[in-house]
Full PDB file with SEQRES, HELIX, SHEET, SSBOND, CRYST1, ORIGX, SCALE, CONECT and MASTER records, all heavy atoms in Angstrom:
SEQRES   1 A   45  PHE GLY GLY LEU VAL ILE ALA PHE PRO LEU ILE ALA THR          
SEQRES   2 A   45  GLN ILE TYR LYS PHE ILE ALA PRO GLY LEU TYR LYS ASN          
SEQRES   3 A   45  GLU ARG ASN ALA PHE LEU PRO PHE LEU ILE ALA SER PRO          
SEQRES   4 A   45  ILE LEU PHE LEU MET GLY                                      
HELIX    1 AA1 GLY A    2  ILE A   19  1                                  18    
HELIX    2 AA2 ALA A   20  GLY A   22  5                                   3    
HELIX    3 AA3 LYS A   25  MET A   44  1                                  20    
CRYST1    1.000    1.000    1.000  90.00  90.00  90.00 P 1           1          
ORIGX1      1.000000  0.000000  0.000000        0.00000                         
ORIGX2      0.000000  1.000000  0.000000        0.00000                         
ORIGX3      0.000000  0.000000  1.000000        0.00000                         
SCALE1      1.000000  0.000000  0.000000        0.00000                         
SCALE2      0.000000  1.000000  0.000000        0.00000                         
SCALE3      0.000000  0.000000  1.000000        0.00000                         
ATOM      1  N   PHE A   1      -2.924  32.962  -2.619  1.00  0.00           N  
ATOM      2  CA  PHE A   1      -1.791  33.318  -1.770  1.00  0.00           C  
ATOM      3  C   PHE A   1      -1.868  32.581  -0.433  1.00  0.00           C  
ATOM      4  O   PHE A   1      -0.902  31.949   0.009  1.00  0.00           O  
ATOM      5  CB  PHE A   1      -1.778  34.832  -1.565  1.00  0.00           C  
ATOM      6  CG  PHE A   1      -0.754  35.319  -0.583  1.00  0.00           C  
ATOM      7  CD1 PHE A   1       0.592  35.305  -0.893  1.00  0.00           C  
ATOM      8  CD2 PHE A   1      -1.132  35.803   0.654  1.00  0.00           C  
ATOM      9  CE1 PHE A   1       1.541  35.750   0.009  1.00  0.00           C  
ATOM     10  CE2 PHE A   1      -0.206  36.249   1.564  1.00  0.00           C  
ATOM     11  CZ  PHE A   1       1.146  36.225   1.239  1.00  0.00           C  
ATOM     12  N   GLY A   2      -3.040  32.639   0.209  1.00  0.00           N  
ATOM     13  CA  GLY A   2      -3.205  31.950   1.486  1.00  0.00           C  
ATOM     14  C   GLY A   2      -3.112  30.445   1.346  1.00  0.00           C  
ATOM     15  O   GLY A   2      -2.524  29.767   2.202  1.00  0.00           O  
ATOM     16  N   GLY A   3      -3.682  29.902   0.259  1.00  0.00           N  
ATOM     17  CA  GLY A   3      -3.608  28.463   0.045  1.00  0.00           C  
ATOM     18  C   GLY A   3      -2.189  27.977  -0.141  1.00  0.00           C  
ATOM     19  O   GLY A   3      -1.808  26.913   0.367  1.00  0.00           O  
ATOM     20  N   LEU A   4      -1.375  28.761  -0.849  1.00  0.00           N  
ATOM     21  CA  LEU A   4       0.022  28.389  -1.049  1.00  0.00           C  
ATOM     22  C   LEU A   4       0.795  28.417   0.262  1.00  0.00           C  
ATOM     23  O   LEU A   4       1.607  27.519   0.540  1.00  0.00           O  
ATOM     24  CB  LEU A   4       0.666  29.331  -2.061  1.00  0.00           C  
ATOM     25  CG  LEU A   4       2.118  29.035  -2.461  1.00  0.00           C  
ATOM     26  CD1 LEU A   4       2.217  27.656  -3.105  1.00  0.00           C  
ATOM     27  CD2 LEU A   4       2.651  30.101  -3.398  1.00  0.00           C  
ATOM     28  N   VAL A   5       0.540  29.429   1.082  1.00  0.00           N  
ATOM     29  CA  VAL A   5       1.229  29.526   2.374  1.00  0.00           C  
ATOM     30  C   VAL A   5       0.840  28.369   3.288  1.00  0.00           C  
ATOM     31  O   VAL A   5       1.691  27.742   3.923  1.00  0.00           O  
ATOM     32  CB  VAL A   5       0.921  30.884   3.041  1.00  0.00           C  
ATOM     33  CG1 VAL A   5       1.460  30.916   4.473  1.00  0.00           C  
ATOM     34  CG2 VAL A   5       1.517  32.026   2.231  1.00  0.00           C  
ATOM     35  N   ILE A   6      -0.462  28.073   3.345  1.00  0.00           N  
ATOM     36  CA  ILE A   6      -0.935  26.997   4.232  1.00  0.00           C  
ATOM     37  C   ILE A   6      -0.463  25.634   3.749  1.00  0.00           C  
ATOM     38  O   ILE A   6      -0.070  24.768   4.547  1.00  0.00           O  
ATOM     39  CB  ILE A   6      -2.466  27.044   4.335  1.00  0.00           C  
ATOM     40  CG1 ILE A   6      -2.919  28.335   5.040  1.00  0.00           C  
ATOM     41  CG2 ILE A   6      -2.998  25.816   5.080  1.00  0.00           C  
ATOM     42  CD1 ILE A   6      -4.411  28.527   5.060  1.00  0.00           C  
ATOM     43  N   ALA A   7      -0.495  25.430   2.420  1.00  0.00           N  
ATOM     44  CA  ALA A   7      -0.145  24.115   1.873  1.00  0.00           C  
ATOM     45  C   ALA A   7       1.361  23.930   1.702  1.00  0.00           C  
ATOM     46  O   ALA A   7       1.796  22.821   1.373  1.00  0.00           O  
ATOM     47  CB  ALA A   7      -0.836  23.915   0.523  1.00  0.00           C  
ATOM     48  N   PHE A   8       2.155  24.977   1.926  1.00  0.00           N  
ATOM     49  CA  PHE A   8       3.596  24.851   1.694  1.00  0.00           C  
ATOM     50  C   PHE A   8       4.243  23.734   2.508  1.00  0.00           C  
ATOM     51  O   PHE A   8       5.060  22.976   1.964  1.00  0.00           O  
ATOM     52  CB  PHE A   8       4.301  26.179   1.980  1.00  0.00           C  
ATOM     53  CG  PHE A   8       5.795  26.106   1.812  1.00  0.00           C  
ATOM     54  CD1 PHE A   8       6.362  26.153   0.548  1.00  0.00           C  
ATOM     55  CD2 PHE A   8       6.632  25.973   2.913  1.00  0.00           C  
ATOM     56  CE1 PHE A   8       7.736  26.067   0.378  1.00  0.00           C  
ATOM     57  CE2 PHE A   8       8.003  25.887   2.757  1.00  0.00           C  
ATOM     58  CZ  PHE A   8       8.556  25.939   1.483  1.00  0.00           C  
ATOM     59  N   PRO A   9       3.936  23.576   3.810  1.00  0.00           N  
ATOM     60  CA  PRO A   9       4.551  22.455   4.540  1.00  0.00           C  
ATOM     61  C   PRO A   9       4.239  21.100   3.918  1.00  0.00           C  
ATOM     62  O   PRO A   9       5.116  20.227   3.845  1.00  0.00           O  
ATOM     63  CB  PRO A   9       3.952  22.583   5.944  1.00  0.00           C  
ATOM     64  CG  PRO A   9       3.590  24.019   6.074  1.00  0.00           C  
ATOM     65  CD  PRO A   9       3.139  24.434   4.714  1.00  0.00           C  
ATOM     66  N   LEU A  10       2.993  20.920   3.455  1.00  0.00           N  
ATOM     67  CA  LEU A  10       2.630  19.661   2.809  1.00  0.00           C  
ATOM     68  C   LEU A  10       3.392  19.488   1.495  1.00  0.00           C  
ATOM     69  O   LEU A  10       3.921  18.409   1.209  1.00  0.00           O  
ATOM     70  CB  LEU A  10       1.123  19.623   2.551  1.00  0.00           C  
ATOM     71  CG  LEU A  10       0.612  18.423   1.739  1.00  0.00           C  
ATOM     72  CD1 LEU A  10       0.869  17.117   2.480  1.00  0.00           C  
ATOM     73  CD2 LEU A  10      -0.876  18.585   1.412  1.00  0.00           C  
ATOM     74  N   ILE A  11       3.468  20.566   0.693  1.00  0.00           N  
ATOM     75  CA  ILE A  11       4.174  20.493  -0.592  1.00  0.00           C  
ATOM     76  C   ILE A  11       5.656  20.188  -0.370  1.00  0.00           C  
ATOM     77  O   ILE A  11       6.252  19.346  -1.055  1.00  0.00           O  
ATOM     78  CB  ILE A  11       3.992  21.802  -1.372  1.00  0.00           C  
ATOM     79  CG1 ILE A  11       2.513  21.999  -1.728  1.00  0.00           C  
ATOM     80  CG2 ILE A  11       4.837  21.806  -2.640  1.00  0.00           C  
ATOM     81  CD1 ILE A  11       2.196  23.350  -2.339  1.00  0.00           C  
ATOM     82  N   ALA A  12       6.262  20.875   0.599  1.00  0.00           N  
ATOM     83  CA  ALA A  12       7.684  20.641   0.891  1.00  0.00           C  
ATOM     84  C   ALA A  12       7.908  19.211   1.375  1.00  0.00           C  
ATOM     85  O   ALA A  12       8.906  18.574   1.011  1.00  0.00           O  
ATOM     86  CB  ALA A  12       8.171  21.645   1.936  1.00  0.00           C  
ATOM     87  N   THR A  13       6.984  18.694   2.168  1.00  0.00           N  
ATOM     88  CA  THR A  13       7.103  17.314   2.651  1.00  0.00           C  
ATOM     89  C   THR A  13       7.022  16.321   1.502  1.00  0.00           C  
ATOM     90  O   THR A  13       7.782  15.338   1.464  1.00  0.00           O  
ATOM     91  CB  THR A  13       6.004  17.016   3.680  1.00  0.00           C  
ATOM     92  OG1 THR A  13       6.109  17.945   4.771  1.00  0.00           O  
ATOM     93  CG2 THR A  13       6.111  15.598   4.205  1.00  0.00           C  
ATOM     94  N   GLN A  14       6.120  16.565   0.555  1.00  0.00           N  
ATOM     95  CA  GLN A  14       5.994  15.663  -0.593  1.00  0.00           C  
ATOM     96  C   GLN A  14       7.243  15.710  -1.469  1.00  0.00           C  
ATOM     97  O   GLN A  14       7.684  14.669  -1.982  1.00  0.00           O  
ATOM     98  CB  GLN A  14       4.753  16.036  -1.414  1.00  0.00           C  
ATOM     99  CG  GLN A  14       3.432  15.875  -0.680  1.00  0.00           C  
ATOM    100  CD  GLN A  14       3.242  14.479  -0.130  1.00  0.00           C  
ATOM    101  OE1 GLN A  14       3.438  13.491  -0.836  1.00  0.00           O  
ATOM    102  NE2 GLN A  14       2.853  14.398   1.138  1.00  0.00           N  
ATOM    103  N   ILE A  15       7.823  16.897  -1.628  1.00  0.00           N  
ATOM    104  CA  ILE A  15       9.073  16.997  -2.388  1.00  0.00           C  
ATOM    105  C   ILE A  15      10.178  16.216  -1.696  1.00  0.00           C  
ATOM    106  O   ILE A  15      10.942  15.482  -2.330  1.00  0.00           O  
ATOM    107  CB  ILE A  15       9.472  18.476  -2.562  1.00  0.00           C  
ATOM    108  CG1 ILE A  15       8.442  19.210  -3.439  1.00  0.00           C  
ATOM    109  CG2 ILE A  15      10.862  18.600  -3.186  1.00  0.00           C  
ATOM    110  CD1 ILE A  15       8.679  20.698  -3.538  1.00  0.00           C  
ATOM    111  N   TYR A  16      10.247  16.359  -0.378  1.00  0.00           N  
ATOM    112  CA  TYR A  16      11.279  15.649   0.388  1.00  0.00           C  
ATOM    113  C   TYR A  16      11.081  14.137   0.285  1.00  0.00           C  
ATOM    114  O   TYR A  16      12.048  13.386   0.099  1.00  0.00           O  
ATOM    115  CB  TYR A  16      11.230  16.092   1.849  1.00  0.00           C  
ATOM    116  CG  TYR A  16      12.164  15.316   2.742  1.00  0.00           C  
ATOM    117  CD1 TYR A  16      13.534  15.546   2.708  1.00  0.00           C  
ATOM    118  CD2 TYR A  16      11.667  14.341   3.610  1.00  0.00           C  
ATOM    119  CE1 TYR A  16      14.396  14.816   3.520  1.00  0.00           C  
ATOM    120  CE2 TYR A  16      12.526  13.616   4.420  1.00  0.00           C  
ATOM    121  CZ  TYR A  16      13.879  13.860   4.378  1.00  0.00           C  
ATOM    122  OH  TYR A  16      14.724  13.136   5.165  1.00  0.00           O  
ATOM    123  N   LYS A  17       9.835  13.668   0.397  1.00  0.00           N  
ATOM    124  CA  LYS A  17       9.581  12.234   0.315  1.00  0.00           C  
ATOM    125  C   LYS A  17       9.911  11.679  -1.066  1.00  0.00           C  
ATOM    126  O   LYS A  17      10.260  10.490  -1.189  1.00  0.00           O  
ATOM    127  CB  LYS A  17       8.109  11.948   0.658  1.00  0.00           C  
ATOM    128  CG  LYS A  17       7.779  12.105   2.136  1.00  0.00           C  
ATOM    129  CD  LYS A  17       6.338  11.724   2.408  1.00  0.00           C  
ATOM    130  CE  LYS A  17       6.020  11.811   3.899  1.00  0.00           C  
ATOM    131  NZ  LYS A  17       4.615  11.444   4.185  1.00  0.00           N  
ATOM    132  N   PHE A  18       9.800  12.514  -2.099  1.00  0.00           N  
ATOM    133  CA  PHE A  18      10.114  12.042  -3.449  1.00  0.00           C  
ATOM    134  C   PHE A  18      11.616  11.914  -3.667  1.00  0.00           C  
ATOM    135  O   PHE A  18      12.085  10.963  -4.298  1.00  0.00           O  
ATOM    136  CB  PHE A  18       9.510  12.997  -4.482  1.00  0.00           C  
ATOM    137  CG  PHE A  18       9.808  12.606  -5.908  1.00  0.00           C  
ATOM    138  CD1 PHE A  18       9.197  11.506  -6.478  1.00  0.00           C  
ATOM    139  CD2 PHE A  18      10.705  13.339  -6.665  1.00  0.00           C  
ATOM    140  CE1 PHE A  18       9.482  11.127  -7.789  1.00  0.00           C  
ATOM    141  CE2 PHE A  18      10.991  12.976  -7.968  1.00  0.00           C  
ATOM    142  CZ  PHE A  18      10.379  11.876  -8.543  1.00  0.00           C  
ATOM    143  N   ILE A  19      12.393  12.875  -3.147  1.00  0.00           N  
ATOM    144  CA  ILE A  19      13.841  12.854  -3.390  1.00  0.00           C  
ATOM    145  C   ILE A  19      14.611  12.092  -2.318  1.00  0.00           C  
ATOM    146  O   ILE A  19      15.763  11.707  -2.543  1.00  0.00           O  
ATOM    147  CB  ILE A  19      14.406  14.286  -3.501  1.00  0.00           C  
ATOM    148  CG1 ILE A  19      14.277  15.027  -2.161  1.00  0.00           C  
ATOM    149  CG2 ILE A  19      13.719  15.046  -4.610  1.00  0.00           C  
ATOM    150  CD1 ILE A  19      14.917  16.392  -2.170  1.00  0.00           C  
ATOM    151  N   ALA A  20      13.989  11.855  -1.147  1.00  0.00           N  
ATOM    152  CA  ALA A  20      14.698  11.209  -0.033  1.00  0.00           C  
ATOM    153  C   ALA A  20      15.227   9.823  -0.376  1.00  0.00           C  
ATOM    154  O   ALA A  20      16.349   9.483   0.025  1.00  0.00           O  
ATOM    155  CB  ALA A  20      13.793  11.149   1.193  1.00  0.00           C  
ATOM    156  N   PRO A  21      14.477   8.978  -1.105  1.00  0.00           N  
ATOM    157  CA  PRO A  21      15.033   7.648  -1.411  1.00  0.00           C  
ATOM    158  C   PRO A  21      16.324   7.686  -2.218  1.00  0.00           C  
ATOM    159  O   PRO A  21      17.085   6.716  -2.203  1.00  0.00           O  
ATOM    160  CB  PRO A  21      13.896   6.978  -2.210  1.00  0.00           C  
ATOM    161  CG  PRO A  21      12.659   7.661  -1.753  1.00  0.00           C  
ATOM    162  CD  PRO A  21      13.072   9.081  -1.528  1.00  0.00           C  
ATOM    163  N   GLY A  22      16.576   8.755  -2.948  1.00  0.00           N  
ATOM    164  CA  GLY A  22      17.799   8.868  -3.731  1.00  0.00           C  
ATOM    165  C   GLY A  22      18.961   9.459  -2.976  1.00  0.00           C  
ATOM    166  O   GLY A  22      20.036   9.677  -3.557  1.00  0.00           O  
ATOM    167  N   LEU A  23      18.779   9.743  -1.692  1.00  0.00           N  
ATOM    168  CA  LEU A  23      19.833  10.332  -0.876  1.00  0.00           C  
ATOM    169  C   LEU A  23      20.383   9.303   0.099  1.00  0.00           C  
ATOM    170  O   LEU A  23      19.695   8.369   0.501  1.00  0.00           O  
ATOM    171  CB  LEU A  23      19.287  11.538  -0.084  1.00  0.00           C  
ATOM    172  CG  LEU A  23      18.682  12.685  -0.889  1.00  0.00           C  
ATOM    173  CD1 LEU A  23      18.084  13.718   0.054  1.00  0.00           C  
ATOM    174  CD2 LEU A  23      19.721  13.340  -1.792  1.00  0.00           C  
ATOM    175  N   TYR A  24      21.655   9.485   0.452  1.00  0.00           N  
ATOM    176  CA  TYR A  24      22.226   8.669   1.512  1.00  0.00           C  
ATOM    177  C   TYR A  24      21.593   9.060   2.844  1.00  0.00           C  
ATOM    178  O   TYR A  24      21.005  10.136   2.984  1.00  0.00           O  
ATOM    179  CB  TYR A  24      23.743   8.852   1.584  1.00  0.00           C  
ATOM    180  CG  TYR A  24      24.474   8.395   0.351  1.00  0.00           C  
ATOM    181  CD1 TYR A  24      25.425   9.212  -0.254  1.00  0.00           C  
ATOM    182  CD2 TYR A  24      24.222   7.142  -0.200  1.00  0.00           C  
ATOM    183  CE1 TYR A  24      26.104   8.805  -1.392  1.00  0.00           C  
ATOM    184  CE2 TYR A  24      24.891   6.729  -1.330  1.00  0.00           C  
ATOM    185  CZ  TYR A  24      25.831   7.555  -1.923  1.00  0.00           C  
ATOM    186  OH  TYR A  24      26.489   7.140  -3.037  1.00  0.00           O  
ATOM    187  N   LYS A  25      21.759   8.192   3.826  1.00  0.00           N  
ATOM    188  CA  LYS A  25      21.155   8.447   5.129  1.00  0.00           C  
ATOM    189  C   LYS A  25      21.678   9.732   5.752  1.00  0.00           C  
ATOM    190  O   LYS A  25      20.915  10.527   6.306  1.00  0.00           O  
ATOM    191  CB  LYS A  25      21.417   7.266   6.070  1.00  0.00           C  
ATOM    192  CG  LYS A  25      20.737   7.409   7.428  1.00  0.00           C  
ATOM    193  CD  LYS A  25      20.981   6.187   8.294  1.00  0.00           C  
ATOM    194  CE  LYS A  25      20.298   6.350   9.651  1.00  0.00           C  
ATOM    195  NZ  LYS A  25      20.535   5.171  10.524  1.00  0.00           N  
ATOM    196  N   ASN A  26      22.998   9.956   5.643  1.00  0.00           N  
ATOM    197  CA  ASN A  26      23.552  11.183   6.223  1.00  0.00           C  
ATOM    198  C   ASN A  26      23.089  12.419   5.479  1.00  0.00           C  
ATOM    199  O   ASN A  26      22.929  13.497   6.052  1.00  0.00           O  
ATOM    200  CB  ASN A  26      25.084  11.107   6.238  1.00  0.00           C  
ATOM    201  CG  ASN A  26      25.659  10.994   4.834  1.00  0.00           C  
ATOM    202  OD1 ASN A  26      25.021  10.428   3.944  1.00  0.00           O  
ATOM    203  ND2 ASN A  26      26.854  11.503   4.624  1.00  0.00           N  
ATOM    204  N   GLU A  27      22.841  12.283   4.153  1.00  0.00           N  
ATOM    205  CA  GLU A  27      22.321  13.409   3.378  1.00  0.00           C  
ATOM    206  C   GLU A  27      20.880  13.720   3.761  1.00  0.00           C  
ATOM    207  O   GLU A  27      20.493  14.890   3.835  1.00  0.00           O  
ATOM    208  CB  GLU A  27      22.420  13.101   1.883  1.00  0.00           C  
ATOM    209  CG  GLU A  27      23.842  13.042   1.369  1.00  0.00           C  
ATOM    210  CD  GLU A  27      23.919  12.609  -0.075  1.00  0.00           C  
ATOM    211  OE1 GLU A  27      22.985  11.936  -0.543  1.00  0.00           O  
ATOM    212  OE2 GLU A  27      24.920  12.934  -0.742  1.00  0.00           O  
ATOM    213  N   ARG A  28      20.078  12.683   4.018  1.00  0.00           N  
ATOM    214  CA  ARG A  28      18.699  12.906   4.461  1.00  0.00           C  
ATOM    215  C   ARG A  28      18.676  13.598   5.819  1.00  0.00           C  
ATOM    216  O   ARG A  28      17.885  14.516   6.046  1.00  0.00           O  
ATOM    217  CB  ARG A  28      17.934  11.576   4.529  1.00  0.00           C  
ATOM    218  CG  ARG A  28      17.671  10.952   3.180  1.00  0.00           C  
ATOM    219  CD  ARG A  28      16.615   9.872   3.270  1.00  0.00           C  
ATOM    220  NE  ARG A  28      17.064   8.739   4.081  1.00  0.00           N  
ATOM    221  CZ  ARG A  28      17.686   7.676   3.600  1.00  0.00           C  
ATOM    222  NH1 ARG A  28      17.947   7.587   2.310  1.00  0.00           N  
ATOM    223  NH2 ARG A  28      18.037   6.676   4.399  1.00  0.00           N  
ATOM    224  N   ASN A  29      19.544  13.157   6.716  1.00  0.00           N  
ATOM    225  CA  ASN A  29      19.602  13.772   8.040  1.00  0.00           C  
ATOM    226  C   ASN A  29      20.081  15.220   7.962  1.00  0.00           C  
ATOM    227  O   ASN A  29      19.673  16.056   8.776  1.00  0.00           O  
ATOM    228  CB  ASN A  29      20.542  12.970   8.949  1.00  0.00           C  
ATOM    229  CG  ASN A  29      20.007  11.583   9.252  1.00  0.00           C  
ATOM    230  OD1 ASN A  29      18.799  11.353   9.187  1.00  0.00           O  
ATOM    231  ND2 ASN A  29      20.890  10.658   9.562  1.00  0.00           N  
ATOM    232  N   ALA A  30      20.931  15.534   6.978  1.00  0.00           N  
ATOM    233  CA  ALA A  30      21.420  16.900   6.824  1.00  0.00           C  
ATOM    234  C   ALA A  30      20.381  17.798   6.165  1.00  0.00           C  
ATOM    235  O   ALA A  30      20.308  18.999   6.451  1.00  0.00           O  
ATOM    236  CB  ALA A  30      22.707  16.903   5.991  1.00  0.00           C  
ATOM    237  N   PHE A  31      19.561  17.236   5.286  1.00  0.00           N  
ATOM    238  CA  PHE A  31      18.583  18.031   4.542  1.00  0.00           C  
ATOM    239  C   PHE A  31      17.361  18.369   5.374  1.00  0.00           C  
ATOM    240  O   PHE A  31      16.761  19.438   5.199  1.00  0.00           O  
ATOM    241  CB  PHE A  31      18.162  17.250   3.282  1.00  0.00           C  
ATOM    242  CG  PHE A  31      17.308  18.040   2.341  1.00  0.00           C  
ATOM    243  CD1 PHE A  31      17.862  18.992   1.511  1.00  0.00           C  
ATOM    244  CD2 PHE A  31      15.931  17.835   2.284  1.00  0.00           C  
ATOM    245  CE1 PHE A  31      17.080  19.715   0.636  1.00  0.00           C  
ATOM    246  CE2 PHE A  31      15.135  18.558   1.418  1.00  0.00           C  
ATOM    247  CZ  PHE A  31      15.713  19.502   0.585  1.00  0.00           C  
ATOM    248  N   LEU A  32      16.981  17.480   6.293  1.00  0.00           N  
ATOM    249  CA  LEU A  32      15.747  17.651   7.058  1.00  0.00           C  
ATOM    250  C   LEU A  32      15.709  18.937   7.882  1.00  0.00           C  
ATOM    251  O   LEU A  32      14.682  19.628   7.899  1.00  0.00           O  
ATOM    252  CB  LEU A  32      15.525  16.428   7.950  1.00  0.00           C  
ATOM    253  CG  LEU A  32      14.155  16.322   8.622  1.00  0.00           C  
ATOM    254  CD1 LEU A  32      13.052  16.302   7.579  1.00  0.00           C  
ATOM    255  CD2 LEU A  32      14.079  15.056   9.485  1.00  0.00           C  
ATOM    256  N   PRO A  33      16.786  19.333   8.593  1.00  0.00           N  
ATOM    257  CA  PRO A  33      16.716  20.588   9.355  1.00  0.00           C  
ATOM    258  C   PRO A  33      16.441  21.815   8.488  1.00  0.00           C  
ATOM    259  O   PRO A  33      15.732  22.727   8.915  1.00  0.00           O  
ATOM    260  CB  PRO A  33      18.100  20.681  10.006  1.00  0.00           C  
ATOM    261  CG  PRO A  33      18.587  19.289  10.066  1.00  0.00           C  
ATOM    262  CD  PRO A  33      18.053  18.612   8.853  1.00  0.00           C  
ATOM    263  N   PHE A  34      16.974  21.820   7.260  1.00  0.00           N  
ATOM    264  CA  PHE A  34      16.734  22.954   6.370  1.00  0.00           C  
ATOM    265  C   PHE A  34      15.287  22.972   5.899  1.00  0.00           C  
ATOM    266  O   PHE A  34      14.713  24.038   5.674  1.00  0.00           O  
ATOM    267  CB  PHE A  34      17.681  22.887   5.177  1.00  0.00           C  
ATOM    268  CG  PHE A  34      19.128  23.007   5.551  1.00  0.00           C  
ATOM    269  CD1 PHE A  34      19.946  21.906   5.575  1.00  0.00           C  
ATOM    270  CD2 PHE A  34      19.669  24.227   5.911  1.00  0.00           C  
ATOM    271  CE1 PHE A  34      21.280  22.003   5.931  1.00  0.00           C  
ATOM    272  CE2 PHE A  34      20.991  24.348   6.272  1.00  0.00           C  
ATOM    273  CZ  PHE A  34      21.802  23.231   6.280  1.00  0.00           C  
ATOM    274  N   LEU A  35      14.691  21.795   5.759  1.00  0.00           N  
ATOM    275  CA  LEU A  35      13.282  21.716   5.381  1.00  0.00           C  
ATOM    276  C   LEU A  35      12.393  22.305   6.462  1.00  0.00           C  
ATOM    277  O   LEU A  35      11.352  22.896   6.176  1.00  0.00           O  
ATOM    278  CB  LEU A  35      12.902  20.250   5.121  1.00  0.00           C  
ATOM    279  CG  LEU A  35      11.524  19.972   4.534  1.00  0.00           C  
ATOM    280  CD1 LEU A  35      11.420  20.532   3.127  1.00  0.00           C  
ATOM    281  CD2 LEU A  35      11.244  18.477   4.521  1.00  0.00           C  
ATOM    282  N   ILE A  36      12.807  22.163   7.707  1.00  0.00           N  
ATOM    283  CA  ILE A  36      12.047  22.731   8.823  1.00  0.00           C  
ATOM    284  C   ILE A  36      12.327  24.227   8.960  1.00  0.00           C  
ATOM    285  O   ILE A  36      11.430  25.019   9.240  1.00  0.00           O  
ATOM    286  CB  ILE A  36      12.396  21.988  10.128  1.00  0.00           C  
ATOM    287  CG1 ILE A  36      11.992  20.509  10.016  1.00  0.00           C  
ATOM    288  CG2 ILE A  36      11.709  22.634  11.325  1.00  0.00           C  
ATOM    289  CD1 ILE A  36      12.454  19.660  11.176  1.00  0.00           C  
ATOM    290  N   ALA A  37      13.590  24.621   8.752  1.00  0.00           N  
ATOM    291  CA  ALA A  37      13.974  26.026   8.945  1.00  0.00           C  
ATOM    292  C   ALA A  37      13.391  26.937   7.879  1.00  0.00           C  
ATOM    293  O   ALA A  37      13.092  28.100   8.157  1.00  0.00           O  
ATOM    294  CB  ALA A  37      15.497  26.143   8.955  1.00  0.00           C  
ATOM    295  N   SER A  38      13.217  26.428   6.669  1.00  0.00           N  
ATOM    296  CA  SER A  38      12.763  27.280   5.563  1.00  0.00           C  
ATOM    297  C   SER A  38      11.399  27.928   5.824  1.00  0.00           C  
ATOM    298  O   SER A  38      11.272  29.153   5.715  1.00  0.00           O  
ATOM    299  CB  SER A  38      12.744  26.470   4.266  1.00  0.00           C  
ATOM    300  OG  SER A  38      12.381  27.277   3.175  1.00  0.00           O  
ATOM    301  N   PRO A  39      10.332  27.170   6.166  1.00  0.00           N  
ATOM    302  CA  PRO A  39       9.048  27.834   6.434  1.00  0.00           C  
ATOM    303  C   PRO A  39       9.082  28.724   7.662  1.00  0.00           C  
ATOM    304  O   PRO A  39       8.387  29.741   7.715  1.00  0.00           O  
ATOM    305  CB  PRO A  39       8.065  26.665   6.612  1.00  0.00           C  
ATOM    306  CG  PRO A  39       8.906  25.496   6.947  1.00  0.00           C  
ATOM    307  CD  PRO A  39      10.204  25.699   6.239  1.00  0.00           C  
ATOM    308  N   ILE A  40       9.897  28.359   8.671  1.00  0.00           N  
ATOM    309  CA  ILE A  40       9.989  29.198   9.867  1.00  0.00           C  
ATOM    310  C   ILE A  40      10.578  30.555   9.523  1.00  0.00           C  
ATOM    311  O   ILE A  40      10.080  31.605   9.943  1.00  0.00           O  
ATOM    312  CB  ILE A  40      10.821  28.493  10.951  1.00  0.00           C  
ATOM    313  CG1 ILE A  40      10.087  27.247  11.453  1.00  0.00           C  
ATOM    314  CG2 ILE A  40      11.115  29.440  12.114  1.00  0.00           C  
ATOM    315  CD1 ILE A  40      10.880  26.428  12.445  1.00  0.00           C  
ATOM    316  N   LEU A  41      11.644  30.561   8.713  1.00  0.00           N  
ATOM    317  CA  LEU A  41      12.263  31.822   8.308  1.00  0.00           C  
ATOM    318  C   LEU A  41      11.323  32.635   7.428  1.00  0.00           C  
ATOM    319  O   LEU A  41      11.271  33.865   7.514  1.00  0.00           O  
ATOM    320  CB  LEU A  41      13.577  31.547   7.570  1.00  0.00           C  
ATOM    321  CG  LEU A  41      14.726  31.038   8.446  1.00  0.00           C  
ATOM    322  CD1 LEU A  41      15.909  30.628   7.586  1.00  0.00           C  
ATOM    323  CD2 LEU A  41      15.153  32.108   9.452  1.00  0.00           C  
ATOM    324  N   PHE A  42      10.567  31.957   6.551  1.00  0.00           N  
ATOM    325  CA  PHE A  42       9.598  32.672   5.711  1.00  0.00           C  
ATOM    326  C   PHE A  42       8.542  33.352   6.574  1.00  0.00           C  
ATOM    327  O   PHE A  42       8.177  34.516   6.329  1.00  0.00           O  
ATOM    328  CB  PHE A  42       8.933  31.706   4.725  1.00  0.00           C  
ATOM    329  CG  PHE A  42       8.000  32.377   3.753  1.00  0.00           C  
ATOM    330  CD1 PHE A  42       8.470  32.844   2.541  1.00  0.00           C  
ATOM    331  CD2 PHE A  42       6.658  32.542   4.053  1.00  0.00           C  
ATOM    332  CE1 PHE A  42       7.620  33.473   1.636  1.00  0.00           C  
ATOM    333  CE2 PHE A  42       5.798  33.165   3.168  1.00  0.00           C  
ATOM    334  CZ  PHE A  42       6.283  33.630   1.951  1.00  0.00           C  
ATOM    335  N   LEU A  43       8.042  32.647   7.580  1.00  0.00           N  
ATOM    336  CA  LEU A  43       7.036  33.234   8.470  1.00  0.00           C  
ATOM    337  C   LEU A  43       7.617  34.394   9.276  1.00  0.00           C  
ATOM    338  O   LEU A  43       6.915  35.375   9.564  1.00  0.00           O  
ATOM    339  CB  LEU A  43       6.477  32.163   9.404  1.00  0.00           C  
ATOM    340  CG  LEU A  43       5.600  31.090   8.744  1.00  0.00           C  
ATOM    341  CD1 LEU A  43       5.191  30.038   9.753  1.00  0.00           C  
ATOM    342  CD2 LEU A  43       4.366  31.723   8.099  1.00  0.00           C  
ATOM    343  N   MET A  44       8.900  34.302   9.632  1.00  0.00           N  
ATOM    344  CA  MET A  44       9.542  35.415  10.334  1.00  0.00           C  
ATOM    345  C   MET A  44       9.585  36.653   9.450  1.00  0.00           C  
ATOM    346  O   MET A  44       9.304  37.769   9.904  1.00  0.00           O  
ATOM    347  CB  MET A  44      10.954  35.012  10.755  1.00  0.00           C  
ATOM    348  CG  MET A  44      11.008  34.004  11.893  1.00  0.00           C  
ATOM    349  SD  MET A  44      12.688  33.434  12.252  1.00  0.00           S  
ATOM    350  CE  MET A  44      13.480  35.004  12.695  1.00  0.00           C  
ATOM    351  N   GLY A  45       9.933  36.472   8.179  1.00  0.00           N  
ATOM    352  CA  GLY A  45       9.930  37.598   7.250  1.00  0.00           C  
ATOM    353  C   GLY A  45       8.536  38.164   7.050  1.00  0.00           C  
ATOM    354  O   GLY A  45       8.348  39.391   7.010  1.00  0.00           O  
TER     355      GLY A  45                                                      
MASTER        0    0    0    3    0    0    0    6  354    1    0    4          
END                                                                             
C-alpha cells in the first residue's frame, strides 16, 4: 500500500511519457495539469 502511494507519481509520469508522443501539443498541455491534480486530490482525501 505504501509503495504504491509513494511510487504513484513515478508511475503516472511514465504513463504520461508513453502516451505524450501520440498527443498534439495542445492536448499535452491540457493533460499535464490533471496529472498534477490527481495525486494532490488523492492525498487530500
